[in-house]
Amino acid sequence: MTLNLDKDVIGEAKIYAKSHRVSLSKLVENYLNSLSRDSKEKSSVSPLDESLTGIIPCDYDEKNDYRNYIDKKYS
């Protein structure tokens, strides 16, 4: 397989790889792996589920809230 990249991009990537003590090939491999992993993770959660994440606090007491609702409704 052959990849055609701009020489300046390759030069900058080599500098980055060297400063992080990793080969350029491994750097590219890790990046491509992260792309495929991200797409797999995103496909398992619907956009609606993702948008609702974190809306309800962890310490929310739904039973107490429901009791208060019933008290107000029938008071």
Protein backbone atom coordinates (compact mmCIF):
# COMPACT_ATOMS: atom_id res chain seq x y z
CA MET A 1 0.00 0.00 0.00
CA THR A 2 1.27 3.47 -0.83
CA LEU A 3 0.21 6.75 0.73
CA ASN A 4 0.93 10.04 -1.00
CA LEU A 5 1.41 12.90 1.46
CA ASP A 6 2.80 16.40 1.28
CA LYS A 7 6.52 16.48 2.13
CA ASP A 8 6.04 19.24 4.68
CA VAL A 9 3.35 17.21 6.44
CA ILE A 10 5.66 14.19 6.55
CA GLY A 11 8.48 16.31 7.94
CA GLU A 12 6.31 17.73 10.71
CA ALA A 13 4.92 14.28 11.50
CA LYS A 14 8.47 12.87 11.77
CA ILE A 15 9.41 15.61 14.23
CA TYR A 16 6.26 14.93 16.26
CA ALA A 17 6.85 11.17 16.22
CA LYS A 18 10.48 11.56 17.28
CA SER A 19 9.57 13.90 20.14
CA HIS A 20 7.04 11.32 21.38
CA ARG A 21 9.47 8.40 20.88
CA VAL A 22 7.29 6.55 18.42
CA SER A 23 7.88 5.58 14.80
CA LEU A 24 6.04 7.46 12.08
CA SER A 25 4.42 4.20 10.96
CA LYS A 26 3.14 3.50 14.47
CA LEU A 27 1.88 7.06 14.77
CA VAL A 28 -0.14 6.71 11.56
CA GLU A 29 -1.37 3.25 12.58
CA ASN A 30 -2.53 4.53 15.98
CA TYR A 31 -4.30 7.47 14.38
CA LEU A 32 -6.15 5.29 11.87
CA ASN A 33 -7.08 2.87 14.66
CA SER A 34 -8.54 5.72 16.69
CA LEU A 35 -10.67 6.78 13.72
CA SER A 36 -12.21 3.36 13.32
CA ARG A 37 -12.65 2.95 17.09
CA ASP A 38 -14.39 6.34 17.35
CA SER A 39 -16.84 5.46 14.60
CA LYS A 40 -17.67 2.12 16.26
CA GLU A 41 -18.27 3.79 19.64
CA LYS A 42 -20.43 6.52 18.16
CA SER A 43 -22.58 4.06 16.22
CA SER A 44 -23.50 2.16 19.40
CA VAL A 45 -25.14 5.22 21.01
CA SER A 46 -27.93 7.08 19.28
CA PRO A 47 -27.69 10.87 19.00
CA LEU A 48 -30.77 11.20 21.22
CA ASP A 49 -29.22 9.06 23.96
CA GLU A 50 -26.00 11.03 23.73
CA SER A 51 -27.84 14.35 23.99
CA LEU A 52 -29.69 13.19 27.12
CA THR A 53 -26.59 11.92 28.92
CA GLY A 54 -25.99 13.78 32.16
CA ILE A 55 -29.33 15.63 32.27
CA ILE A 56 -30.56 13.85 35.41
CA PRO A 57 -28.23 14.21 38.41
CA CYS A 58 -26.83 10.99 39.92
CA ASP A 59 -28.37 11.73 43.32
CA TYR A 60 -31.89 12.33 41.93
CA ASP A 61 -34.60 10.75 44.13
CA GLU A 62 -37.42 9.91 41.74
CA LYS A 63 -39.61 8.35 44.45
CA ASN A 64 -39.52 11.50 46.55
CA ASP A 65 -40.22 13.63 43.50
CA TYR A 66 -43.20 11.44 42.57
CA ARG A 67 -44.58 11.62 46.14
CA ASN A 68 -44.36 15.42 46.01
CA TYR A 69 -46.16 15.42 42.66
CA ILE A 70 -49.00 13.23 44.01
CA ASP A 71 -49.28 15.37 47.18
CA LYS A 72 -49.65 18.55 45.10
CA LYS A 73 -52.06 16.93 42.67
CA TYR A 74 -54.46 15.68 45.34
CA SER A 75 -54.09 18.46 47.92
